Amino acid sequence: MALSTFQAFSRDFVGTVNYDANDVAKSTVEFTAKATSIDTGVGGRDNHLRSADFFEVAKFPDVTFKSTKVQKRARAGW
């Protein structure tokens, strides 16, 4: 089994960022993408990602992220 790194994006998604400037720790991030819209630019790989081997889009149509913690970090220099 080989592992590789690739970039992908979703063409059908919604997200919300609730930013609390007074207390960043009270901020939240939520993101939901339709699993069928995942696109790596390689059709065969996209279909494999949509299969039961990975996202199983027929059974799990959405990919969801909800933050459990938001914290302030020092900004890196340019």
PDB file of N, CA and C in Angstrom:
ATOM      1  N   MET A   1       0.841  -1.168   0.000  1.00  0.00           N
ATOM      2  CA  MET A   1       0.000   0.000   0.000  1.00  0.00           C
ATOM      3  C   MET A   1       0.892   1.239   0.000  1.00  0.00           C
ATOM      4  N   ALA A   2       0.618   2.146  -0.900  1.00  0.00           N
ATOM      5  CA  ALA A   2       1.368   3.397  -0.978  1.00  0.00           C
ATOM      6  C   ALA A   2       0.482   4.545  -0.521  1.00  0.00           C
ATOM      7  N   LEU A   3       1.087   5.521   0.090  1.00  0.00           N
ATOM      8  CA  LEU A   3       0.387   6.725   0.510  1.00  0.00           C
ATOM      9  C   LEU A   3       0.881   7.891  -0.323  1.00  0.00           C
ATOM     10  N   SER A   4      -0.006   8.801  -0.620  1.00  0.00           N
ATOM     11  CA  SER A   4       0.392   9.988  -1.354  1.00  0.00           C
ATOM     12  C   SER A   4      -0.379  11.189  -0.838  1.00  0.00           C
ATOM     13  N   THR A   5       0.134  12.356  -1.152  1.00  0.00           N
ATOM     14  CA  THR A   5      -0.508  13.605  -0.771  1.00  0.00           C
ATOM     15  C   THR A   5      -1.057  14.261  -2.024  1.00  0.00           C
ATOM     16  N   PHE A   6      -2.257  14.793  -1.940  1.00  0.00           N
ATOM     17  CA  PHE A   6      -2.852  15.499  -3.067  1.00  0.00           C
ATOM     18  C   PHE A   6      -3.786  16.572  -2.534  1.00  0.00           C
ATOM     19  N   GLN A   7      -4.101  17.518  -3.379  1.00  0.00           N
ATOM     20  CA  GLN A   7      -5.026  18.573  -3.001  1.00  0.00           C
ATOM     21  C   GLN A   7      -6.396  18.274  -3.575  1.00  0.00           C
ATOM     22  N   ALA A   8      -7.414  18.652  -2.829  1.00  0.00           N
ATOM     23  CA  ALA A   8      -8.791  18.476  -3.286  1.00  0.00           C
ATOM     24  C   ALA A   8      -9.603  19.661  -2.798  1.00  0.00           C
ATOM     25  N   PHE A   9     -10.705  19.890  -3.467  1.00  0.00           N
ATOM     26  CA  PHE A   9     -11.616  20.923  -3.003  1.00  0.00           C
ATOM     27  C   PHE A   9     -13.040  20.479  -3.273  1.00  0.00           C
ATOM     28  N   SER A  10     -13.957  21.178  -2.680  1.00  0.00           N
ATOM     29  CA  SER A  10     -15.373  20.883  -2.849  1.00  0.00           C
ATOM     30  C   SER A  10     -16.017  22.003  -3.648  1.00  0.00           C
ATOM     31  N   ARG A  11     -16.874  21.633  -4.561  1.00  0.00           N
ATOM     32  CA  ARG A  11     -17.592  22.618  -5.370  1.00  0.00           C
ATOM     33  C   ARG A  11     -18.938  23.000  -4.756  1.00  0.00           C
ATOM     34  N   ASP A  12     -19.361  22.303  -3.713  1.00  0.00           N
ATOM     35  CA  ASP A  12     -20.671  22.534  -3.102  1.00  0.00           C
ATOM     36  C   ASP A  12     -20.504  22.500  -1.586  1.00  0.00           C
ATOM     37  N   PHE A  13     -20.407  23.659  -0.976  1.00  0.00           N
ATOM     38  CA  PHE A  13     -20.154  23.721   0.459  1.00  0.00           C
ATOM     39  C   PHE A  13     -20.767  24.972   1.079  1.00  0.00           C
ATOM     40  N   VAL A  14     -20.929  24.933   2.382  1.00  0.00           N
ATOM     41  CA  VAL A  14     -21.339  26.090   3.166  1.00  0.00           C
ATOM     42  C   VAL A  14     -20.492  26.099   4.428  1.00  0.00           C
ATOM     43  N   GLY A  15     -20.261  27.266   4.959  1.00  0.00           N
ATOM     44  CA  GLY A  15     -19.480  27.372   6.174  1.00  0.00           C
ATOM     45  C   GLY A  15     -19.832  28.629   6.939  1.00  0.00           C
ATOM     46  N   THR A  16     -19.548  28.592   8.224  1.00  0.00           N
ATOM     47  CA  THR A  16     -19.808  29.728   9.094  1.00  0.00           C
ATOM     48  C   THR A  16     -18.626  29.905  10.036  1.00  0.00           C
ATOM     49  N   VAL A  17     -18.167  31.139  10.144  1.00  0.00           N
ATOM     50  CA  VAL A  17     -17.154  31.502  11.129  1.00  0.00           C
ATOM     51  C   VAL A  17     -17.789  32.544  12.038  1.00  0.00           C
ATOM     52  N   ASN A  18     -17.880  32.230  13.313  1.00  0.00           N
ATOM     53  CA  ASN A  18     -18.360  33.187  14.309  1.00  0.00           C
ATOM     54  C   ASN A  18     -17.150  33.638  15.107  1.00  0.00           C
ATOM     55  N   TYR A  19     -16.706  34.862  14.842  1.00  0.00           N
ATOM     56  CA  TYR A  19     -15.488  35.381  15.456  1.00  0.00           C
ATOM     57  C   TYR A  19     -15.845  36.322  16.592  1.00  0.00           C
ATOM     58  N   ASP A  20     -15.283  36.058  17.753  1.00  0.00           N
ATOM     59  CA  ASP A  20     -15.464  36.920  18.922  1.00  0.00           C
ATOM     60  C   ASP A  20     -14.150  37.663  19.156  1.00  0.00           C
ATOM     61  N   ALA A  21     -14.101  38.926  18.769  1.00  0.00           N
ATOM     62  CA  ALA A  21     -12.871  39.724  18.881  1.00  0.00           C
ATOM     63  C   ALA A  21     -12.470  39.945  20.334  1.00  0.00           C
ATOM     64  N   ASN A  22     -13.433  39.925  21.242  1.00  0.00           N
ATOM     65  CA  ASN A  22     -13.117  40.138  22.663  1.00  0.00           C
ATOM     66  C   ASN A  22     -12.556  38.892  23.332  1.00  0.00           C
ATOM     67  N   ASP A  23     -12.940  37.737  22.840  1.00  0.00           N
ATOM     68  CA  ASP A  23     -12.458  36.473  23.403  1.00  0.00           C
ATOM     69  C   ASP A  23     -12.420  35.444  22.279  1.00  0.00           C
ATOM     70  N   VAL A  24     -11.275  35.318  21.643  1.00  0.00           N
ATOM     71  CA  VAL A  24     -11.133  34.425  20.487  1.00  0.00           C
ATOM     72  C   VAL A  24     -11.546  32.996  20.835  1.00  0.00           C
ATOM     73  N   ALA A  25     -11.342  32.569  22.052  1.00  0.00           N
ATOM     74  CA  ALA A  25     -11.689  31.211  22.471  1.00  0.00           C
ATOM     75  C   ALA A  25     -13.193  30.948  22.370  1.00  0.00           C
ATOM     76  N   LYS A  26     -14.007  31.986  22.305  1.00  0.00           N
ATOM     77  CA  LYS A  26     -15.453  31.823  22.153  1.00  0.00           C
ATOM     78  C   LYS A  26     -15.864  31.766  20.679  1.00  0.00           C
ATOM     79  N   SER A  27     -14.913  31.869  19.781  1.00  0.00           N
ATOM     80  CA  SER A  27     -15.185  31.790  18.349  1.00  0.00           C
ATOM     81  C   SER A  27     -15.448  30.349  17.946  1.00  0.00           C
ATOM     82  N   THR A  28     -16.175  30.164  16.829  1.00  0.00           N
ATOM     83  CA  THR A  28     -16.472  28.829  16.324  1.00  0.00           C
ATOM     84  C   THR A  28     -16.347  28.810  14.799  1.00  0.00           C
ATOM     85  N   VAL A  29     -16.105  27.617  14.265  1.00  0.00           N
ATOM     86  CA  VAL A  29     -16.032  27.411  12.829  1.00  0.00           C
ATOM     87  C   VAL A  29     -16.820  26.150  12.508  1.00  0.00           C
ATOM     88  N   GLU A  30     -17.686  26.226  11.489  1.00  0.00           N
ATOM     89  CA  GLU A  30     -18.421  25.065  11.008  1.00  0.00           C
ATOM     90  C   GLU A  30     -18.367  25.065   9.488  1.00  0.00           C
ATOM     91  N   PHE A  31     -18.242  23.871   8.915  1.00  0.00           N
ATOM     92  CA  PHE A  31     -18.103  23.727   7.467  1.00  0.00           C
ATOM     93  C   PHE A  31     -18.748  22.413   7.055  1.00  0.00           C
ATOM     94  N   THR A  32     -19.595  22.448   6.035  1.00  0.00           N
ATOM     95  CA  THR A  32     -20.202  21.236   5.497  1.00  0.00           C
ATOM     96  C   THR A  32     -20.052  21.237   3.985  1.00  0.00           C
ATOM     97  N   ALA A  33     -19.555  20.126   3.445  1.00  0.00           N
ATOM     98  CA  ALA A  33     -19.389  19.973   1.996  1.00  0.00           C
ATOM     99  C   ALA A  33     -20.161  18.744   1.532  1.00  0.00           C
ATOM    100  N   LYS A  34     -20.733  18.828   0.353  1.00  0.00           N
ATOM    101  CA  LYS A  34     -21.355  17.654  -0.262  1.00  0.00           C
ATOM    102  C   LYS A  34     -20.230  16.737  -0.731  1.00  0.00           C
ATOM    103  N   ALA A  35     -20.223  15.519  -0.236  1.00  0.00           N
ATOM    104  CA  ALA A  35     -19.143  14.580  -0.556  1.00  0.00           C
ATOM    105  C   ALA A  35     -19.058  14.283  -2.046  1.00  0.00           C
ATOM    106  N   THR A  36     -20.174  14.357  -2.748  1.00  0.00           N
ATOM    107  CA  THR A  36     -20.157  14.103  -4.194  1.00  0.00           C
ATOM    108  C   THR A  36     -19.425  15.191  -4.963  1.00  0.00           C
ATOM    109  N   SER A  37     -19.208  16.351  -4.337  1.00  0.00           N
ATOM    110  CA  SER A  37     -18.563  17.464  -5.049  1.00  0.00           C
ATOM    111  C   SER A  37     -17.050  17.519  -4.836  1.00  0.00           C
ATOM    112  N   ILE A  38     -16.488  16.559  -4.106  1.00  0.00           N
ATOM    113  CA  ILE A  38     -15.038  16.545  -3.887  1.00  0.00           C
ATOM    114  C   ILE A  38     -14.337  16.370  -5.226  1.00  0.00           C
ATOM    115  N   ASP A  39     -13.351  17.225  -5.478  1.00  0.00           N
ATOM    116  CA  ASP A  39     -12.684  17.259  -6.780  1.00  0.00           C
ATOM    117  C   ASP A  39     -11.176  17.368  -6.590  1.00  0.00           C
ATOM    118  N   THR A  40     -10.452  16.359  -7.053  1.00  0.00           N
ATOM    119  CA  THR A  40      -8.987  16.380  -6.999  1.00  0.00           C
ATOM    120  C   THR A  40      -8.381  16.675  -8.365  1.00  0.00           C
ATOM    121  N   GLY A  41      -9.240  16.748  -9.379  1.00  0.00           N
ATOM    122  CA  GLY A  41      -8.748  16.964 -10.739  1.00  0.00           C
ATOM    123  C   GLY A  41      -8.442  15.674 -11.482  1.00  0.00           C
ATOM    124  N   VAL A  42      -8.633  14.528 -10.821  1.00  0.00           N
ATOM    125  CA  VAL A  42      -8.406  13.220 -11.441  1.00  0.00           C
ATOM    126  C   VAL A  42      -9.682  12.407 -11.254  1.00  0.00           C
ATOM    127  N   GLY A  43     -10.444  12.238 -12.340  1.00  0.00           N
ATOM    128  CA  GLY A  43     -11.751  11.596 -12.265  1.00  0.00           C
ATOM    129  C   GLY A  43     -11.759  10.234 -11.603  1.00  0.00           C
ATOM    130  N   GLY A  44     -10.799   9.372 -11.951  1.00  0.00           N
ATOM    131  CA  GLY A  44     -10.740   8.042 -11.352  1.00  0.00           C
ATOM    132  C   GLY A  44     -10.523   8.091  -9.848  1.00  0.00           C
ATOM    133  N   ARG A  45      -9.644   8.988  -9.429  1.00  0.00           N
ATOM    134  CA  ARG A  45      -9.383   9.138  -7.988  1.00  0.00           C
ATOM    135  C   ARG A  45     -10.620   9.705  -7.297  1.00  0.00           C
ATOM    136  N   ASP A  46     -11.286  10.676  -7.932  1.00  0.00           N
ATOM    137  CA  ASP A  46     -12.494  11.258  -7.342  1.00  0.00           C
ATOM    138  C   ASP A  46     -13.562  10.189  -7.131  1.00  0.00           C
ATOM    139  N   ASN A  47     -13.766   9.337  -8.123  1.00  0.00           N
ATOM    140  CA  ASN A  47     -14.752   8.258  -7.993  1.00  0.00           C
ATOM    141  C   ASN A  47     -14.364   7.276  -6.900  1.00  0.00           C
ATOM    142  N   HIS A  48     -13.075   6.987  -6.769  1.00  0.00           N
ATOM    143  CA  HIS A  48     -12.615   6.090  -5.707  1.00  0.00           C
ATOM    144  C   HIS A  48     -12.850   6.729  -4.342  1.00  0.00           C
ATOM    145  N   LEU A  49     -12.589   8.026  -4.211  1.00  0.00           N
ATOM    146  CA  LEU A  49     -12.832   8.719  -2.943  1.00  0.00           C
ATOM    147  C   LEU A  49     -14.314   8.713  -2.576  1.00  0.00           C
ATOM    148  N   ARG A  50     -15.177   8.714  -3.570  1.00  0.00           N
ATOM    149  CA  ARG A  50     -16.623   8.703  -3.324  1.00  0.00           C
ATOM    150  C   ARG A  50     -17.146   7.307  -2.981  1.00  0.00           C
ATOM    151  N   SER A  51     -16.330   6.289  -3.194  1.00  0.00           N
ATOM    152  CA  SER A  51     -16.746   4.896  -2.968  1.00  0.00           C
ATOM    153  C   SER A  51     -16.756   4.545  -1.484  1.00  0.00           C
ATOM    154  N   ALA A  52     -17.201   3.318  -1.198  1.00  0.00           N
ATOM    155  CA  ALA A  52     -17.226   2.816   0.183  1.00  0.00           C
ATOM    156  C   ALA A  52     -15.824   2.673   0.771  1.00  0.00           C
ATOM    157  N   ASP A  53     -14.773   2.680  -0.056  1.00  0.00           N
ATOM    158  CA  ASP A  53     -13.403   2.619   0.454  1.00  0.00           C
ATOM    159  C   ASP A  53     -13.039   3.875   1.248  1.00  0.00           C
ATOM    160  N   PHE A  54     -13.710   5.001   0.940  1.00  0.00           N
ATOM    161  CA  PHE A  54     -13.373   6.266   1.599  1.00  0.00           C
ATOM    162  C   PHE A  54     -14.618   6.948   2.169  1.00  0.00           C
ATOM    163  N   PHE A  55     -15.252   7.832   1.406  1.00  0.00           N
ATOM    164  CA  PHE A  55     -16.349   8.645   1.932  1.00  0.00           C
ATOM    165  C   PHE A  55     -17.725   7.978   1.861  1.00  0.00           C
ATOM    166  N   GLU A  56     -17.894   6.976   1.043  1.00  0.00           N
ATOM    167  CA  GLU A  56     -19.163   6.262   0.894  1.00  0.00           C
ATOM    168  C   GLU A  56     -20.328   7.255   0.770  1.00  0.00           C
ATOM    169  N   VAL A  57     -20.264   8.063  -0.290  1.00  0.00           N
ATOM    170  CA  VAL A  57     -21.193   9.185  -0.448  1.00  0.00           C
ATOM    171  C   VAL A  57     -22.661   8.780  -0.527  1.00  0.00           C
ATOM    172  N   ALA A  58     -22.960   7.576  -0.974  1.00  0.00           N
ATOM    173  CA  ALA A  58     -24.357   7.136  -1.027  1.00  0.00           C
ATOM    174  C   ALA A  58     -24.948   7.048   0.376  1.00  0.00           C
ATOM    175  N   LYS A  59     -24.131   6.687   1.340  1.00  0.00           N
ATOM    176  CA  LYS A  59     -24.589   6.534   2.724  1.00  0.00           C
ATOM    177  C   LYS A  59     -24.316   7.787   3.558  1.00  0.00           C
ATOM    178  N   PHE A  60     -23.232   8.498   3.251  1.00  0.00           N
ATOM    179  CA  PHE A  60     -22.820   9.681   4.012  1.00  0.00           C
ATOM    180  C   PHE A  60     -22.617  10.845   3.037  1.00  0.00           C
ATOM    181  N   PRO A  61     -23.678  11.549   2.669  1.00  0.00           N
ATOM    182  CA  PRO A  61     -23.592  12.569   1.623  1.00  0.00           C
ATOM    183  C   PRO A  61     -22.846  13.847   2.018  1.00  0.00           C
ATOM    184  N   ASP A  62     -22.685  14.085   3.308  1.00  0.00           N
ATOM    185  CA  ASP A  62     -22.033  15.317   3.754  1.00  0.00           C
ATOM    186  C   ASP A  62     -20.745  15.041   4.521  1.00  0.00           C
ATOM    187  N   VAL A  63     -19.777  15.916   4.323  1.00  0.00           N
ATOM    188  CA  VAL A  63     -18.546  15.929   5.115  1.00  0.00           C
ATOM    189  C   VAL A  63     -18.644  17.173   5.983  1.00  0.00           C
ATOM    190  N   THR A  64     -18.581  17.006   7.299  1.00  0.00           N
ATOM    191  CA  THR A  64     -18.797  18.126   8.210  1.00  0.00           C
ATOM    192  C   THR A  64     -17.615  18.309   9.142  1.00  0.00           C
ATOM    193  N   PHE A  65     -17.243  19.566   9.332  1.00  0.00           N
ATOM    194  CA  PHE A  65     -16.227  19.940  10.312  1.00  0.00           C
ATOM    195  C   PHE A  65     -16.847  20.926  11.276  1.00  0.00           C
ATOM    196  N   LYS A  66     -16.657  20.695  12.577  1.00  0.00           N
ATOM    197  CA  LYS A  66     -17.082  21.644  13.607  1.00  0.00           C
ATOM    198  C   LYS A  66     -15.915  21.802  14.572  1.00  0.00           C
ATOM    199  N   SER A  67     -15.519  23.035  14.766  1.00  0.00           N
ATOM    200  CA  SER A  67     -14.387  23.283  15.655  1.00  0.00           C
ATOM    201  C   SER A  67     -14.733  22.891  17.087  1.00  0.00           C
ATOM    202  N   THR A  68     -13.737  22.406  17.787  1.00  0.00           N
ATOM    203  CA  THR A  68     -13.892  22.117  19.209  1.00  0.00           C
ATOM    204  C   THR A  68     -13.104  23.111  20.041  1.00  0.00           C
ATOM    205  N   LYS A  69     -12.243  23.865  19.345  1.00  0.00           N
ATOM    206  CA  LYS A  69     -11.413  24.838  20.048  1.00  0.00           C
ATOM    207  C   LYS A  69     -10.879  25.840  19.027  1.00  0.00           C
ATOM    208  N   VAL A  70     -10.891  27.097  19.410  1.00  0.00           N
ATOM    209  CA  VAL A  70     -10.268  28.145  18.601  1.00  0.00           C
ATOM    210  C   VAL A  70      -9.329  28.895  19.527  1.00  0.00           C
ATOM    211  N   GLN A  71      -8.108  29.100  19.066  1.00  0.00           N
ATOM    212  CA  GLN A  71      -7.164  29.827  19.907  1.00  0.00           C
ATOM    213  C   GLN A  71      -6.353  30.809  19.081  1.00  0.00           C
ATOM    214  N   LYS A  72      -5.948  31.858  19.740  1.00  0.00           N
ATOM    215  CA  LYS A  72      -5.152  32.907  19.097  1.00  0.00           C
ATOM    216  C   LYS A  72      -3.687  32.466  19.062  1.00  0.00           C
ATOM    217  N   ARG A  73      -3.067  32.683  17.906  1.00  0.00           N
ATOM    218  CA  ARG A  73      -1.656  32.356  17.748  1.00  0.00           C
ATOM    219  C   ARG A  73      -0.915  33.595  17.306  1.00  0.00           C
ATOM    220  N   ALA A  74       0.350  33.663  17.667  1.00  0.00           N
ATOM    221  CA  ALA A  74       1.182  34.768  17.203  1.00  0.00           C
ATOM    222  C   ALA A  74       1.308  34.673  15.689  1.00  0.00           C
ATOM    223  N   ARG A  75       1.275  35.782  15.050  1.00  0.00           N
ATOM    224  CA  ARG A  75       1.376  35.816  13.595  1.00  0.00           C
ATOM    225  C   ARG A  75       2.816  35.632  13.154  1.00  0.00           C
ATOM    226  N   ALA A  76       3.023  34.779  12.180  1.00  0.00           N
ATOM    227  CA  ALA A  76       4.374  34.539  11.642  1.00  0.00           C
ATOM    228  C   ALA A  76       4.783  35.713  10.769  1.00  0.00           C
ATOM    229  N   GLY A  77       6.051  36.001  10.722  1.00  0.00           N
ATOM    230  CA  GLY A  77       6.555  37.079   9.883  1.00  0.00           C
ATOM    231  C   GLY A  77       6.511  36.729   8.415  1.00  0.00           C
ATOM    232  N   TRP A  78       6.410  37.706   7.589  1.00  0.00           N
ATOM    233  CA  TRP A  78       6.366  37.500   6.143  1.00  0.00           C
ATOM    234  C   TRP A  78       7.762  37.376   5.675  1.00  0.00           C
TER     235      TRP A  78
END
